[in-house]
Amino acid sequence: QPWQTMVGRLILYTAFFAHGALGLTALYRRRHLRIPQSELWQLVLGLTIPLLLIPHATSVALGGSVYGLEFNYARLLYQFWVASWDNALPRQYLLIIVVWIHGCLGIRAWLRPKPWYPAYVPVLASLATLVPVLALIGFTNAGFDIRDAVARNPAGAIRFVIAPPGTPAGESSEALGRIVDLMLYAYVGLVVGLVGFRGLRDWHARRFRAVRVSYPGG
């Protein structure tokens, strides 16, 4: 798993934060939000992704590096499908769908001006549909397998998935939960502050730098 290495994590998190910063900067610099519907959806989905991703990414990254929690695939499946099936599991499904649609909208906007794009639309549309569907099917099958394993041998499965050697007690998980909450609040505050600064900027432009443009005939 390359994303679990130090280099992989560095590339992954750098790309995530750079993409998010560029997106927020572009949102701030827009003079208005009268944009095509596809761009509006891309913007809304992009702003939603951190809300869905922060709980998962922070738990895995800080839980492993700071608190020594082991987040292998089996543990994550248990977390999604058994321990938090009513919270983490729907959020993970929604995260996959939102990220994929957001990415497809961005790639479509990038490729649409290419002269060869119309001819390849059917192939690209098939890939855009099949890849997430197959991924969700595999994730679902693995979740059913972990549920069956827990049902057959609850004690053994819980010891293997929940408490591998060296896993700290519940205090670390509670501290990690507080960090996740703080990061979510910080992100919401950042977005709200950005919208507020946009309003102040627009008010300042209207109040001190506004000009009136008139055309013959009104």
Protein backbone atom coordinates (compact mmCIF):
# COMPACT_ATOMS: atom_id res chain seq x y z
CA GLN A 1 0.00 0.00 0.00
CA PRO A 2 2.05 2.99 -1.22
CA TRP A 3 -0.16 5.54 0.55
CA GLN A 4 0.82 4.01 3.91
CA THR A 5 4.52 4.83 3.39
CA MET A 6 6.04 8.13 4.48
CA VAL A 7 6.60 9.25 0.87
CA GLY A 8 3.12 8.16 -0.16
CA ARG A 9 1.48 10.01 2.71
CA LEU A 10 3.53 13.12 2.00
CA ILE A 11 2.43 13.13 -1.65
CA LEU A 12 -1.18 12.33 -0.78
CA TYR A 13 -1.61 14.97 1.94
CA THR A 14 0.33 17.61 -0.01
CA ALA A 15 -1.93 17.06 -3.02
CA PHE A 16 -5.04 17.18 -0.84
CA PHE A 17 -4.12 20.43 0.93
CA ALA A 18 -2.83 22.07 -2.25
CA HIS A 19 -6.02 21.18 -4.12
CA GLY A 20 -8.18 22.41 -1.25
CA ALA A 21 -6.24 25.67 -0.92
CA LEU A 22 -6.48 26.33 -4.66
CA GLY A 23 -10.20 25.62 -4.59
CA LEU A 24 -10.85 27.98 -1.67
CA THR A 25 -8.69 30.65 -3.31
CA ALA A 26 -10.64 30.33 -6.55
CA LEU A 27 -13.91 30.59 -4.60
CA TYR A 28 -12.73 33.77 -2.89
CA ARG A 29 -11.55 35.37 -6.12
CA ARG A 30 -14.84 34.80 -7.94
CA ARG A 31 -16.74 38.03 -8.35
CA HIS A 32 -20.05 36.19 -8.49
CA LEU A 33 -21.47 32.67 -8.30
CA ARG A 34 -23.54 32.84 -11.48
CA ILE A 35 -21.83 29.79 -12.91
CA PRO A 36 -22.95 26.74 -14.93
CA GLN A 37 -24.75 24.06 -12.98
CA SER A 38 -21.92 21.54 -13.41
CA GLU A 39 -19.41 24.00 -11.92
CA LEU A 40 -21.78 24.75 -9.05
CA TRP A 41 -22.11 21.03 -8.29
CA GLN A 42 -18.34 20.64 -8.46
CA LEU A 43 -17.93 23.52 -6.00
CA VAL A 44 -20.54 22.20 -3.55
CA LEU A 45 -19.17 18.66 -3.67
CA GLY A 46 -15.62 19.94 -3.24
CA LEU A 47 -16.59 21.86 -0.10
CA THR A 48 -18.34 18.75 1.23
CA ILE A 49 -15.36 16.40 0.80
CA PRO A 50 -13.33 17.61 3.85
CA LEU A 51 -16.35 17.17 6.12
CA LEU A 52 -16.55 13.53 5.06
CA LEU A 53 -12.81 12.90 4.79
CA ILE A 54 -11.45 14.49 7.98
CA PRO A 55 -12.87 11.85 10.39
CA HIS A 56 -11.41 8.99 8.36
CA ALA A 57 -8.06 10.52 7.34
CA THR A 58 -7.34 12.03 10.75
CA SER A 59 -8.16 8.81 12.58
CA VAL A 60 -5.84 6.81 10.34
CA ALA A 61 -2.99 9.34 10.19
CA LEU A 62 -2.88 10.60 13.78
CA GLY A 63 -4.13 7.34 15.26
CA GLY A 64 -1.20 5.48 13.78
CA SER A 65 1.59 8.04 14.12
CA VAL A 66 0.67 9.69 17.44
CA TYR A 67 -1.34 7.15 19.42
CA GLY A 68 0.00 3.92 17.99
CA LEU A 69 -3.40 2.64 16.86
CA GLU A 70 -3.23 -0.01 14.17
CA PHE A 71 -5.49 0.73 11.22
CA ASN A 72 -5.11 -2.25 8.94
CA TYR A 73 -7.80 -3.12 6.41
CA ALA A 74 -9.51 -5.61 8.73
CA ARG A 75 -9.74 -3.08 11.55
CA LEU A 76 -11.19 -0.43 9.25
CA LEU A 77 -13.74 -2.89 7.89
CA TYR A 78 -14.75 -3.76 11.44
CA GLN A 79 -15.05 -0.07 12.28
CA PHE A 80 -17.27 0.57 9.26
CA TRP A 81 -19.42 -2.55 9.23
CA VAL A 82 -19.72 -3.54 12.90
CA ALA A 83 -18.62 -0.88 15.38
CA SER A 84 -20.05 2.17 13.58
CA TRP A 85 -22.30 0.86 10.83
CA ASP A 86 -24.86 3.60 11.49
CA ASN A 87 -22.37 6.50 11.31
CA ALA A 88 -19.00 5.74 9.74
CA LEU A 89 -20.34 3.35 7.09
CA PRO A 90 -22.86 5.74 5.45
CA ARG A 91 -20.26 8.50 5.62
CA GLN A 92 -17.71 6.30 3.83
CA TYR A 93 -20.13 5.39 1.07
CA LEU A 94 -21.05 9.05 0.65
CA LEU A 95 -17.38 10.05 0.65
CA ILE A 96 -16.54 7.65 -2.18
CA ILE A 97 -19.47 8.84 -4.29
CA VAL A 98 -18.87 12.55 -3.65
CA VAL A 99 -15.13 12.37 -4.34
CA TRP A 100 -15.67 10.41 -7.53
CA ILE A 101 -18.34 12.75 -8.92
CA HIS A 102 -16.26 15.80 -7.98
CA GLY A 103 -13.23 14.34 -9.74
CA CYS A 104 -15.21 13.34 -12.83
CA LEU A 105 -16.66 16.85 -13.14
CA GLY A 106 -13.16 18.32 -12.93
CA ILE A 107 -11.74 15.91 -15.51
CA ARG A 108 -14.72 16.56 -17.80
CA ALA A 109 -14.14 20.32 -17.60
CA TRP A 110 -10.47 19.73 -18.44
CA LEU A 111 -11.07 17.37 -21.37
CA ARG A 112 -14.19 18.94 -22.86
CA PRO A 113 -12.32 21.48 -25.06
CA LYS A 114 -10.15 18.72 -26.56
CA PRO A 115 -11.12 17.98 -30.17
CA TRP A 116 -11.04 14.22 -29.62
CA TYR A 117 -13.22 14.29 -26.46
CA PRO A 118 -16.69 13.82 -28.07
CA ALA A 119 -15.62 10.59 -29.74
CA TYR A 120 -14.47 9.07 -26.44
CA VAL A 121 -17.42 10.17 -24.30
CA PRO A 122 -19.08 6.71 -24.29
CA VAL A 123 -15.87 4.98 -23.17
CA LEU A 124 -15.12 7.58 -20.50
CA ALA A 125 -18.72 7.50 -19.26
CA SER A 126 -18.55 3.72 -18.95
CA LEU A 127 -15.34 3.94 -16.93
CA ALA A 128 -16.78 6.70 -14.76
CA THR A 129 -19.71 4.42 -13.93
CA LEU A 130 -18.04 1.01 -13.65
CA VAL A 131 -15.01 1.95 -11.51
CA PRO A 132 -16.96 3.27 -8.47
CA VAL A 133 -19.63 0.57 -8.80
CA LEU A 134 -17.04 -2.22 -8.77
CA ALA A 135 -15.16 -0.55 -5.92
CA LEU A 136 -18.32 -0.30 -3.82
CA ILE A 137 -19.22 -3.91 -4.59
CA GLY A 138 -15.78 -5.06 -3.39
CA PHE A 139 -16.02 -2.90 -0.28
CA THR A 140 -19.51 -4.25 0.45
CA ASN A 141 -18.49 -7.89 0.00
CA ALA A 142 -15.51 -7.40 2.32
CA GLY A 143 -17.84 -5.83 4.88
CA PHE A 144 -20.22 -8.78 4.75
CA ASP A 145 -17.24 -11.12 5.19
CA ILE A 146 -16.06 -9.31 8.31
CA ARG A 147 -19.60 -9.40 9.73
CA ASP A 148 -19.77 -13.14 9.13
CA ALA A 149 -16.38 -13.61 10.78
CA VAL A 150 -17.51 -11.70 13.86
CA ALA A 151 -20.78 -13.65 14.00
CA ARG A 152 -18.96 -16.99 13.84
CA ASN A 153 -16.28 -16.13 16.40
CA PRO A 154 -17.06 -12.85 18.21
CA ALA A 155 -14.31 -13.07 20.81
CA GLY A 156 -11.57 -14.04 18.37
CA ALA A 157 -12.59 -11.51 15.74
CA ILE A 158 -12.78 -8.68 18.26
CA ARG A 159 -9.36 -9.47 19.70
CA PHE A 160 -7.87 -9.58 16.23
CA VAL A 161 -9.51 -6.47 14.83
CA ILE A 162 -10.06 -4.21 17.81
CA ALA A 163 -7.17 -4.88 20.11
CA PRO A 164 -4.02 -5.94 18.29
CA PRO A 165 -0.80 -5.95 20.33
CA GLY A 166 0.26 -2.48 21.40
CA THR A 167 -3.08 -0.79 20.87
CA PRO A 168 -3.71 1.87 23.54
CA ALA A 169 -6.82 1.95 25.65
CA GLY A 170 -9.94 3.99 25.10
CA GLU A 171 -8.45 7.30 26.27
CA SER A 172 -6.47 7.57 23.03
CA SER A 173 -9.58 7.03 20.94
CA GLU A 174 -11.41 9.72 22.91
CA ALA A 175 -8.54 12.15 22.43
CA LEU A 176 -8.49 11.34 18.74
CA GLY A 177 -12.22 12.03 18.55
CA ARG A 178 -11.72 15.44 20.11
CA ILE A 179 -9.01 16.26 17.56
CA VAL A 180 -11.34 15.23 14.73
CA ASP A 181 -14.09 17.48 16.11
CA LEU A 182 -11.68 20.43 16.38
CA MET A 183 -10.53 19.95 12.80
CA LEU A 184 -14.14 19.82 11.59
CA TYR A 185 -14.97 23.01 13.49
CA ALA A 186 -11.84 24.67 12.10
CA TYR A 187 -12.78 23.75 8.53
CA VAL A 188 -16.36 24.98 8.92
CA GLY A 189 -15.00 28.19 10.46
CA LEU A 190 -12.61 28.59 7.53
CA VAL A 191 -15.41 28.26 4.96
CA VAL A 192 -17.73 30.58 6.90
CA GLY A 193 -14.91 33.10 7.27
CA LEU A 194 -14.16 32.89 3.56
CA VAL A 195 -17.79 33.60 2.71
CA GLY A 196 -17.76 36.49 5.19
CA PHE A 197 -14.61 37.98 3.64
CA ARG A 198 -16.25 37.70 0.22
CA GLY A 199 -19.19 39.70 1.52
CA LEU A 200 -16.91 42.37 3.00
CA ARG A 201 -14.91 42.56 -0.21
CA ASP A 202 -18.02 42.97 -2.33
CA TRP A 203 -19.41 45.62 0.04
CA HIS A 204 -16.12 47.52 -0.08
CA ALA A 205 -16.09 47.37 -3.87
CA ARG A 206 -19.64 48.67 -4.11
CA ARG A 207 -19.05 51.39 -1.51
CA PHE A 208 -15.68 52.77 -2.51
CA ARG A 209 -14.76 51.50 -5.98
CA ALA A 210 -18.09 51.05 -7.73
CA VAL A 211 -18.71 52.58 -11.14
CA ARG A 212 -21.90 52.87 -13.13
CA VAL A 213 -21.88 51.60 -16.71
CA SER A 214 -24.66 52.79 -19.04
CA TYR A 215 -25.49 51.70 -22.60
CA PRO A 216 -27.25 53.57 -25.37
CA GLY A 217 -30.95 52.83 -25.20
CA GLY A 218 -30.80 51.76 -21.53
